[in-house]
N, C-alpha and C. Protein backbone atom coordinates (compact mmCIF):
# COMPACT_ATOMS: atom_id res chain seq x y z
N MET A 1 -1.05 -2.12 -18.50
CA MET A 1 -0.47 -1.96 -17.18
C MET A 1 -0.70 -3.26 -16.40
N GLN A 2 0.29 -3.64 -15.64
CA GLN A 2 0.20 -4.85 -14.84
C GLN A 2 -0.67 -4.63 -13.61
N LEU A 3 -1.46 -5.62 -13.27
CA LEU A 3 -2.31 -5.52 -12.08
C LEU A 3 -1.46 -5.33 -10.82
N ALA A 4 -0.33 -6.01 -10.75
CA ALA A 4 0.54 -5.88 -9.58
C ALA A 4 1.02 -4.44 -9.42
N ASP A 5 1.30 -3.75 -10.53
CA ASP A 5 1.72 -2.34 -10.47
C ASP A 5 0.62 -1.46 -9.91
N VAL A 6 -0.60 -1.73 -10.32
CA VAL A 6 -1.75 -0.94 -9.83
C VAL A 6 -1.92 -1.16 -8.33
N LEU A 7 -1.86 -2.42 -7.89
CA LEU A 7 -2.05 -2.71 -6.47
C LEU A 7 -0.92 -2.14 -5.62
N MET A 8 0.32 -2.31 -6.07
CA MET A 8 1.45 -1.76 -5.30
C MET A 8 1.39 -0.24 -5.26
N GLY A 9 0.99 0.37 -6.37
CA GLY A 9 0.86 1.82 -6.39
C GLY A 9 -0.21 2.31 -5.43
N ALA A 10 -1.33 1.60 -5.38
CA ALA A 10 -2.41 1.98 -4.45
C ALA A 10 -1.96 1.84 -3.00
N LEU A 11 -1.25 0.77 -2.71
CA LEU A 11 -0.75 0.56 -1.35
C LEU A 11 0.24 1.65 -0.95
N ALA A 12 1.20 1.93 -1.83
CA ALA A 12 2.20 2.96 -1.53
C ALA A 12 1.56 4.33 -1.40
N TRP A 13 0.62 4.63 -2.27
CA TRP A 13 -0.07 5.92 -2.24
C TRP A 13 -0.79 6.11 -0.92
N GLU A 14 -1.48 5.07 -0.48
CA GLU A 14 -2.22 5.14 0.79
C GLU A 14 -1.26 5.16 1.98
N TYR A 15 -0.24 4.30 1.94
CA TYR A 15 0.70 4.20 3.05
C TYR A 15 1.46 5.52 3.27
N ASN A 16 1.77 6.22 2.18
CA ASN A 16 2.48 7.50 2.27
C ASN A 16 1.54 8.68 2.49
N GLU A 17 0.28 8.38 2.72
CA GLU A 17 -0.75 9.38 3.05
C GLU A 17 -0.91 10.47 1.99
N LEU A 18 -0.78 10.09 0.74
CA LEU A 18 -0.95 11.07 -0.33
C LEU A 18 -2.41 11.43 -0.55
N GLY A 19 -3.32 10.59 -0.07
CA GLY A 19 -4.74 10.87 -0.21
C GLY A 19 -5.25 11.98 0.69
N SER A 20 -4.47 12.33 1.70
CA SER A 20 -4.90 13.39 2.61
C SER A 20 -4.49 14.78 2.13
N ARG A 21 -3.76 14.84 1.04
CA ARG A 21 -3.37 16.14 0.48
C ARG A 21 -4.57 16.82 -0.17
N PRO A 22 -4.60 18.15 -0.16
CA PRO A 22 -5.73 18.85 -0.78
C PRO A 22 -5.82 18.61 -2.29
N ASP A 23 -4.68 18.37 -2.94
CA ASP A 23 -4.68 18.15 -4.39
C ASP A 23 -4.67 16.67 -4.76
N ALA A 24 -5.11 15.81 -3.84
CA ALA A 24 -5.09 14.36 -4.06
C ALA A 24 -6.01 13.98 -5.22
N SER A 25 -5.57 12.99 -5.96
CA SER A 25 -6.33 12.50 -7.10
C SER A 25 -7.58 11.75 -6.63
N LYS A 26 -8.74 12.17 -7.12
CA LYS A 26 -9.98 11.50 -6.75
C LYS A 26 -10.01 10.05 -7.24
N PRO A 27 -9.60 9.75 -8.48
CA PRO A 27 -9.61 8.34 -8.90
C PRO A 27 -8.71 7.46 -8.04
N LYS A 28 -7.55 7.97 -7.63
CA LYS A 28 -6.67 7.18 -6.77
C LYS A 28 -7.29 6.99 -5.39
N ARG A 29 -7.91 8.03 -4.88
CA ARG A 29 -8.59 7.93 -3.59
C ARG A 29 -9.73 6.91 -3.66
N ASP A 30 -10.47 6.95 -4.76
CA ASP A 30 -11.57 6.01 -4.95
C ASP A 30 -11.07 4.57 -5.09
N LEU A 31 -9.94 4.38 -5.79
CA LEU A 31 -9.38 3.04 -5.94
C LEU A 31 -8.93 2.48 -4.60
N ALA A 32 -8.26 3.29 -3.79
CA ALA A 32 -7.82 2.85 -2.47
C ALA A 32 -9.01 2.48 -1.60
N ALA A 33 -10.06 3.29 -1.65
CA ALA A 33 -11.26 3.00 -0.87
C ALA A 33 -11.94 1.72 -1.36
N TYR A 34 -11.99 1.54 -2.67
CA TYR A 34 -12.60 0.34 -3.24
C TYR A 34 -11.83 -0.92 -2.82
N LEU A 35 -10.50 -0.88 -2.91
CA LEU A 35 -9.69 -2.03 -2.52
C LEU A 35 -9.87 -2.35 -1.04
N ALA A 36 -9.87 -1.33 -0.21
CA ALA A 36 -10.06 -1.55 1.23
C ALA A 36 -11.43 -2.18 1.50
N LYS A 37 -12.43 -1.69 0.81
CA LYS A 37 -13.78 -2.24 0.99
C LYS A 37 -13.83 -3.70 0.57
N ARG A 38 -13.24 -4.02 -0.57
CA ARG A 38 -13.25 -5.41 -1.06
C ARG A 38 -12.45 -6.34 -0.15
N LEU A 39 -11.39 -5.81 0.48
CA LEU A 39 -10.59 -6.61 1.41
C LEU A 39 -11.19 -6.63 2.81
N ARG A 40 -12.26 -5.86 3.00
CA ARG A 40 -12.98 -5.77 4.28
C ARG A 40 -12.09 -5.21 5.39
N ILE A 41 -11.40 -4.12 5.06
CA ILE A 41 -10.57 -3.42 6.04
C ILE A 41 -10.90 -1.94 5.97
N LYS A 42 -10.50 -1.19 7.00
CA LYS A 42 -10.78 0.25 7.02
C LYS A 42 -9.89 1.02 6.07
N SER A 43 -8.63 0.64 6.00
CA SER A 43 -7.67 1.38 5.20
C SER A 43 -6.57 0.46 4.71
N LEU A 44 -6.02 0.75 3.55
CA LEU A 44 -4.88 -0.01 3.05
C LEU A 44 -3.63 0.26 3.88
N LYS A 45 -3.62 1.37 4.58
CA LYS A 45 -2.46 1.76 5.37
C LYS A 45 -2.27 0.91 6.62
N ASP A 46 -3.35 0.52 7.25
CA ASP A 46 -3.26 -0.19 8.52
C ASP A 46 -2.97 -1.67 8.28
N HIS A 47 -1.70 -2.05 8.37
CA HIS A 47 -1.32 -3.42 8.06
C HIS A 47 -1.71 -4.40 9.17
N THR A 48 -2.15 -3.92 10.34
CA THR A 48 -2.55 -4.84 11.39
C THR A 48 -3.90 -5.51 11.08
N GLU A 49 -4.65 -4.94 10.14
CA GLU A 49 -5.96 -5.50 9.78
C GLU A 49 -5.86 -6.61 8.75
N TRP A 50 -4.71 -6.76 8.10
CA TRP A 50 -4.60 -7.69 6.98
C TRP A 50 -4.66 -9.13 7.47
N ARG A 51 -5.69 -9.83 7.05
CA ARG A 51 -5.83 -11.23 7.40
C ARG A 51 -6.22 -12.05 6.17
N ASN A 52 -5.99 -11.53 5.00
CA ASN A 52 -6.38 -12.19 3.77
C ASN A 52 -5.22 -13.05 3.25
N PRO A 53 -5.38 -14.38 3.20
CA PRO A 53 -4.28 -15.24 2.77
C PRO A 53 -3.94 -15.10 1.29
N LEU A 54 -4.81 -14.48 0.51
CA LEU A 54 -4.55 -14.32 -0.91
C LEU A 54 -3.81 -13.04 -1.24
N PHE A 55 -3.67 -12.17 -0.26
CA PHE A 55 -3.06 -10.87 -0.52
C PHE A 55 -2.24 -10.48 0.69
N GLU A 56 -0.94 -10.46 0.54
CA GLU A 56 -0.02 -10.19 1.64
C GLU A 56 0.66 -8.83 1.43
N LYS A 57 0.88 -8.10 2.49
CA LYS A 57 1.55 -6.81 2.40
C LYS A 57 2.72 -6.79 3.36
N TRP A 58 3.89 -6.44 2.86
CA TRP A 58 5.08 -6.32 3.70
C TRP A 58 5.51 -4.87 3.70
N ILE A 59 5.91 -4.38 4.86
CA ILE A 59 6.41 -3.01 5.00
C ILE A 59 7.92 -3.07 5.21
N PHE A 60 8.65 -2.42 4.33
CA PHE A 60 10.10 -2.37 4.45
C PHE A 60 10.50 -0.95 4.83
N LYS A 61 11.38 -0.84 5.80
CA LYS A 61 11.93 0.46 6.19
C LYS A 61 13.34 0.56 5.63
N PHE A 62 13.56 1.46 4.69
CA PHE A 62 14.87 1.64 4.11
C PHE A 62 15.75 2.40 5.09
N THR A 63 16.87 1.81 5.47
CA THR A 63 17.76 2.42 6.45
C THR A 63 18.93 3.15 5.82
N GLY A 64 19.24 2.82 4.56
CA GLY A 64 20.38 3.44 3.93
C GLY A 64 21.69 2.75 4.27
N GLN A 65 21.63 1.74 5.11
CA GLN A 65 22.82 1.00 5.51
C GLN A 65 23.14 -0.06 4.45
N PRO A 66 24.42 -0.28 4.17
CA PRO A 66 24.77 -1.33 3.19
C PRO A 66 24.47 -2.71 3.78
N ARG A 67 24.15 -3.62 2.90
CA ARG A 67 23.90 -5.00 3.31
C ARG A 67 25.23 -5.65 3.70
N PRO A 68 25.22 -6.52 4.70
CA PRO A 68 26.46 -7.21 5.05
C PRO A 68 26.92 -8.11 3.90
N SER A 69 28.22 -8.16 3.69
CA SER A 69 28.74 -8.98 2.61
C SER A 69 28.66 -10.45 3.00
N VAL A 70 28.41 -11.28 2.01
CA VAL A 70 28.31 -12.72 2.23
C VAL A 70 29.55 -13.35 1.64
N GLY A 71 30.20 -14.22 2.40
CA GLY A 71 31.32 -14.90 1.79
C GLY A 71 32.42 -15.09 2.66
């Protein structure tokens, strides 16, 4: 498995608040907590805390609108 896949999965899992479900996976919850601790932030979800130049997080909001045509 690619490291990038693991990191993106942890970010998405935390951002979508899947850890707050009663049936949440303990290993995934532990991984999210471990990453947050190593990055010295409270949560992977709070993007205002990110100040690490080696690890950048972008939040995209899918609107469902088509992209403007170029040409």
